[in-house]
């Protein structure tokens, strides 16, 4: 009886592991597809001479910068754009100029 229970637990753990691996592969594939779509959209906008629409919260970011709240502005930039910390810091510093 204990052997059967142990075997069932091991089988369950293997199933969970394999399911996670499949989910990781799907997530990576979807991320690559999304990246390609974003790149194509950027190229189409540039070719058509259409500026990329700016998120309305960027006005809030500018307000934070005029108040000298650079850290809050970086946090907001990361939230709006999904960029990493270094990218957000560089973008905010460019926007300050």
N, C-alpha and C. Protein backbone atom coordinates (compact mmCIF):
# COMPACT_ATOMS: atom_id res chain seq x y z
N UNK A 1 0.83 -1.20 0.00
CA UNK A 1 0.00 0.00 0.00
C UNK A 1 0.87 1.26 0.00
N UNK A 2 1.90 1.30 0.86
CA UNK A 2 2.78 2.47 0.90
C UNK A 2 3.53 2.63 -0.41
N UNK A 3 3.89 1.50 -1.03
CA UNK A 3 4.61 1.53 -2.30
C UNK A 3 3.72 2.15 -3.38
N UNK A 4 2.47 1.79 -3.43
CA UNK A 4 1.54 2.32 -4.42
C UNK A 4 1.34 3.82 -4.22
N UNK A 5 1.25 4.25 -2.98
CA UNK A 5 1.07 5.67 -2.69
C UNK A 5 2.32 6.47 -3.10
N UNK A 6 3.49 5.92 -2.81
CA UNK A 6 4.74 6.57 -3.19
C UNK A 6 4.85 6.65 -4.71
N UNK A 7 4.50 5.58 -5.39
CA UNK A 7 4.55 5.55 -6.84
C UNK A 7 3.58 6.57 -7.45
N UNK A 8 2.40 6.69 -6.87
CA UNK A 8 1.42 7.66 -7.35
C UNK A 8 1.92 9.09 -7.14
N UNK A 9 2.57 9.35 -6.02
CA UNK A 9 3.11 10.68 -5.74
C UNK A 9 4.22 11.04 -6.72
N UNK A 10 5.08 10.07 -7.00
CA UNK A 10 6.17 10.30 -7.95
C UNK A 10 5.60 10.57 -9.34
N UNK A 11 4.61 9.79 -9.74
CA UNK A 11 3.98 9.98 -11.05
C UNK A 11 3.34 11.37 -11.14
N UNK A 12 2.70 11.80 -10.06
CA UNK A 12 2.09 13.12 -10.03
C UNK A 12 3.14 14.21 -10.16
N UNK A 13 4.24 14.08 -9.45
CA UNK A 13 5.31 15.07 -9.54
C UNK A 13 5.91 15.13 -10.94
N UNK A 14 6.08 13.98 -11.57
CA UNK A 14 6.61 13.95 -12.94
C UNK A 14 5.63 14.65 -13.88
N UNK A 15 4.34 14.39 -13.71
CA UNK A 15 3.33 15.04 -14.54
C UNK A 15 3.33 16.54 -14.38
N UNK A 16 3.45 17.02 -13.15
CA UNK A 16 3.50 18.46 -12.89
C UNK A 16 4.74 19.08 -13.54
N UNK A 17 5.87 18.41 -13.40
CA UNK A 17 7.11 18.89 -13.98
C UNK A 17 7.00 19.00 -15.50
N UNK A 18 6.49 17.96 -16.14
CA UNK A 18 6.35 17.97 -17.59
C UNK A 18 5.38 19.05 -18.06
N UNK A 19 4.32 19.27 -17.30
CA UNK A 19 3.36 20.32 -17.64
C UNK A 19 4.00 21.70 -17.55
N UNK A 20 4.84 21.92 -16.54
CA UNK A 20 5.53 23.20 -16.40
C UNK A 20 6.50 23.42 -17.55
N UNK A 21 7.19 22.37 -17.97
CA UNK A 21 8.12 22.48 -19.09
C UNK A 21 7.39 22.87 -20.36
N UNK A 22 6.23 22.25 -20.60
CA UNK A 22 5.44 22.58 -21.79
C UNK A 22 4.95 24.02 -21.73
N UNK A 23 4.54 24.47 -20.55
CA UNK A 23 4.07 25.84 -20.39
C UNK A 23 5.20 26.83 -20.64
N UNK A 24 6.41 26.50 -20.18
CA UNK A 24 7.56 27.37 -20.42
C UNK A 24 7.85 27.49 -21.91
N UNK A 25 7.78 26.37 -22.63
CA UNK A 25 8.03 26.41 -24.06
C UNK A 25 6.98 27.26 -24.78
N UNK A 26 5.71 27.12 -24.37
CA UNK A 26 4.65 27.92 -24.98
C UNK A 26 4.87 29.41 -24.70
N UNK A 27 5.24 29.73 -23.47
CA UNK A 27 5.45 31.13 -23.10
C UNK A 27 6.61 31.73 -23.90
N UNK A 28 7.69 30.98 -24.07
CA UNK A 28 8.83 31.49 -24.85
C UNK A 28 8.44 31.69 -26.31
N UNK A 29 7.67 30.76 -26.86
CA UNK A 29 7.23 30.89 -28.25
C UNK A 29 6.34 32.12 -28.42
N UNK A 30 5.41 32.32 -27.49
CA UNK A 30 4.52 33.48 -27.56
C UNK A 30 5.29 34.79 -27.39
N UNK A 31 6.29 34.79 -26.54
CA UNK A 31 7.12 35.99 -26.35
C UNK A 31 7.86 36.33 -27.64
N UNK A 32 8.40 35.32 -28.31
CA UNK A 32 9.09 35.57 -29.58
C UNK A 32 8.12 36.09 -30.64
N UNK A 33 6.93 35.52 -30.70
CA UNK A 33 5.93 35.99 -31.66
C UNK A 33 5.55 37.43 -31.39
N UNK A 34 5.34 37.76 -30.13
CA UNK A 34 4.98 39.12 -29.77
C UNK A 34 6.09 40.10 -30.12
N UNK A 35 7.33 39.72 -29.87
CA UNK A 35 8.47 40.57 -30.20
C UNK A 35 8.53 40.84 -31.70
N UNK A 36 8.31 39.80 -32.51
CA UNK A 36 8.32 39.97 -33.97
C UNK A 36 7.18 40.90 -34.40
N UNK A 37 5.99 40.72 -33.82
CA UNK A 37 4.86 41.59 -34.17
C UNK A 37 5.13 43.04 -33.80
N UNK A 38 5.72 43.27 -32.64
CA UNK A 38 6.03 44.63 -32.23
C UNK A 38 7.04 45.26 -33.20
N UNK A 39 8.04 44.49 -33.59
CA UNK A 39 9.05 45.00 -34.52
C UNK A 39 8.41 45.37 -35.86
N UNK A 40 7.52 44.50 -36.35
CA UNK A 40 6.84 44.78 -37.62
C UNK A 40 5.95 46.02 -37.51
N UNK A 41 5.25 46.15 -36.40
CA UNK A 41 4.39 47.32 -36.20
C UNK A 41 5.23 48.59 -36.17
N UNK A 42 6.36 48.56 -35.47
CA UNK A 42 7.25 49.72 -35.42
C UNK A 42 7.74 50.09 -36.82
N UNK A 43 8.09 49.08 -37.62
CA UNK A 43 8.56 49.35 -38.98
C UNK A 43 7.45 49.96 -39.83
N UNK A 44 6.24 49.44 -39.70
CA UNK A 44 5.11 49.98 -40.47
C UNK A 44 4.82 51.42 -40.08
N UNK A 45 4.83 51.71 -38.79
CA UNK A 45 4.59 53.08 -38.34
C UNK A 45 5.68 54.02 -38.87
N UNK A 46 6.92 53.57 -38.79
CA UNK A 46 8.02 54.41 -39.26
C UNK A 46 7.92 54.63 -40.77
N UNK A 47 7.60 53.59 -41.51
CA UNK A 47 7.49 53.70 -42.97
C UNK A 47 6.36 54.65 -43.36
N UNK A 48 5.26 54.62 -42.61
CA UNK A 48 4.12 55.48 -42.91
C UNK A 48 4.32 56.89 -42.36
N UNK A 49 5.38 57.10 -41.60
CA UNK A 49 5.63 58.41 -41.04
C UNK A 49 4.70 58.76 -39.89
N UNK A 50 4.16 57.74 -39.25
CA UNK A 50 3.24 57.96 -38.14
C UNK A 50 4.02 57.85 -36.84
N UNK A 51 4.00 58.89 -36.02
CA UNK A 51 4.69 58.78 -34.73
C UNK A 51 3.96 57.80 -33.82
N UNK A 52 4.74 57.12 -33.01
CA UNK A 52 4.13 56.17 -32.08
C UNK A 52 3.29 56.93 -31.07
N UNK A 53 2.06 56.49 -30.85
CA UNK A 53 1.21 57.20 -29.88
C UNK A 53 1.81 57.11 -28.48
N UNK A 54 1.73 58.22 -27.78
CA UNK A 54 2.30 58.27 -26.43
C UNK A 54 1.21 58.00 -25.40
N UNK A 55 1.56 57.20 -24.42
CA UNK A 55 0.63 56.89 -23.34
C UNK A 55 0.30 58.17 -22.58
N UNK A 56 -0.97 58.39 -22.26
CA UNK A 56 -1.37 59.61 -21.55
C UNK A 56 -0.68 59.76 -20.18
N UNK A 57 -0.25 58.65 -19.62
CA UNK A 57 0.41 58.74 -18.31
C UNK A 57 1.81 59.34 -18.39
N UNK A 58 2.31 59.54 -19.61
CA UNK A 58 3.62 60.18 -19.75
C UNK A 58 3.53 61.64 -19.31
N UNK A 59 2.36 62.25 -19.41
CA UNK A 59 2.19 63.62 -18.89
C UNK A 59 2.37 63.60 -17.37
N UNK A 60 1.87 62.54 -16.74
CA UNK A 60 2.07 62.39 -15.29
C UNK A 60 3.56 62.22 -14.98
N UNK A 61 4.26 61.49 -15.85
CA UNK A 61 5.70 61.31 -15.68
C UNK A 61 6.42 62.65 -15.76
N UNK A 62 6.02 63.48 -16.74
CA UNK A 62 6.63 64.81 -16.87
C UNK A 62 6.35 65.66 -15.63
N UNK A 63 5.15 65.54 -15.08
CA UNK A 63 4.81 66.29 -13.87
C UNK A 63 5.70 65.85 -12.71
N UNK A 64 5.94 64.55 -12.61
CA UNK A 64 6.83 64.05 -11.55
C UNK A 64 8.24 64.61 -11.72
N UNK A 65 8.69 64.69 -12.96
CA UNK A 65 10.03 65.21 -13.21
C UNK A 65 10.13 66.69 -12.85
N UNK A 66 9.09 67.47 -13.14
CA UNK A 66 9.14 68.90 -12.78
C UNK A 66 9.12 69.09 -11.27
N UNK A 67 8.59 68.09 -10.55
CA UNK A 67 8.58 68.15 -9.09
C UNK A 67 9.87 67.59 -8.49
N UNK A 68 10.77 67.11 -9.36
CA UNK A 68 12.04 66.55 -8.89
C UNK A 68 11.91 65.13 -8.36
N UNK A 69 10.88 64.42 -8.74
CA UNK A 69 10.64 63.06 -8.25
C UNK A 69 11.08 62.05 -9.31
N UNK A 70 12.38 61.97 -9.47
CA UNK A 70 12.95 61.13 -10.52
C UNK A 70 12.68 59.64 -10.27
N UNK A 71 12.80 59.19 -9.05
CA UNK A 71 12.59 57.77 -8.75
C UNK A 71 11.15 57.36 -9.04
N UNK A 72 10.19 58.19 -8.65
CA UNK A 72 8.78 57.89 -8.94
C UNK A 72 8.54 57.90 -10.45
N UNK A 73 9.23 58.81 -11.15
CA UNK A 73 9.09 58.87 -12.61
C UNK A 73 9.63 57.59 -13.25
N UNK A 74 10.75 57.09 -12.75
CA UNK A 74 11.31 55.84 -13.26
C UNK A 74 10.35 54.69 -13.00
N UNK A 75 9.78 54.64 -11.81
CA UNK A 75 8.80 53.59 -11.50
C UNK A 75 7.60 53.66 -12.44
N UNK A 76 7.11 54.86 -12.68
CA UNK A 76 5.97 55.02 -13.57
C UNK A 76 6.34 54.61 -15.00
N UNK A 77 7.53 54.99 -15.43
CA UNK A 77 7.98 54.61 -16.78
C UNK A 77 8.02 53.09 -16.92
N UNK A 78 8.53 52.41 -15.92
CA UNK A 78 8.58 50.94 -15.96
C UNK A 78 7.17 50.36 -16.04
N UNK A 79 6.25 50.95 -15.29
CA UNK A 79 4.86 50.48 -15.28
C UNK A 79 4.20 50.68 -16.64
N UNK A 80 4.43 51.85 -17.23
CA UNK A 80 3.79 52.19 -18.50
C UNK A 80 4.38 51.39 -19.66
N UNK A 81 5.70 51.27 -19.70
CA UNK A 81 6.36 50.67 -20.86
C UNK A 81 6.75 49.21 -20.67
N UNK A 82 6.86 48.78 -19.43
CA UNK A 82 7.32 47.41 -19.18
C UNK A 82 8.82 47.25 -19.33
N UNK A 83 9.54 48.36 -19.37
CA UNK A 83 10.99 48.30 -19.55
C UNK A 83 11.68 47.89 -18.24
N UNK A 84 12.94 47.51 -18.37
CA UNK A 84 13.70 47.15 -17.19
C UNK A 84 14.20 48.42 -16.49
N UNK A 85 14.81 48.25 -15.35
CA UNK A 85 15.21 49.39 -14.53
C UNK A 85 16.21 50.29 -15.27
N UNK A 86 17.22 49.68 -15.89
CA UNK A 86 18.24 50.47 -16.58
C UNK A 86 17.63 51.23 -17.76
N UNK A 87 16.80 50.55 -18.54
CA UNK A 87 16.16 51.20 -19.68
C UNK A 87 15.27 52.35 -19.26
N UNK A 88 14.51 52.14 -18.17
CA UNK A 88 13.62 53.18 -17.67
C UNK A 88 14.42 54.38 -17.18
N UNK A 89 15.51 54.12 -16.47
CA UNK A 89 16.35 55.21 -15.95
C UNK A 89 16.92 56.03 -17.10
N UNK A 90 17.42 55.35 -18.14
CA UNK A 90 17.98 56.06 -19.29
C UNK A 90 16.91 56.87 -20.02
N UNK A 91 15.72 56.28 -20.18
CA UNK A 91 14.63 56.98 -20.88
C UNK A 91 14.18 58.21 -20.10
N UNK A 92 14.08 58.08 -18.79
CA UNK A 92 13.66 59.22 -17.96
C UNK A 92 14.72 60.31 -18.01
N UNK A 93 15.99 59.92 -17.97
CA UNK A 93 17.06 60.93 -18.03
C UNK A 93 17.07 61.63 -19.38
N UNK A 94 16.78 60.89 -20.46
CA UNK A 94 16.67 61.54 -21.78
C UNK A 94 15.50 62.52 -21.79
N UNK A 95 14.42 62.14 -21.15
CA UNK A 95 13.23 62.98 -21.12
C UNK A 95 13.47 64.25 -20.28
N UNK A 96 14.39 64.19 -19.34
CA UNK A 96 14.69 65.34 -18.48
C UNK A 96 15.44 66.43 -19.25
N UNK A 97 16.11 66.07 -20.32
CA UNK A 97 16.93 67.03 -21.08
C UNK A 97 16.10 67.99 -21.86
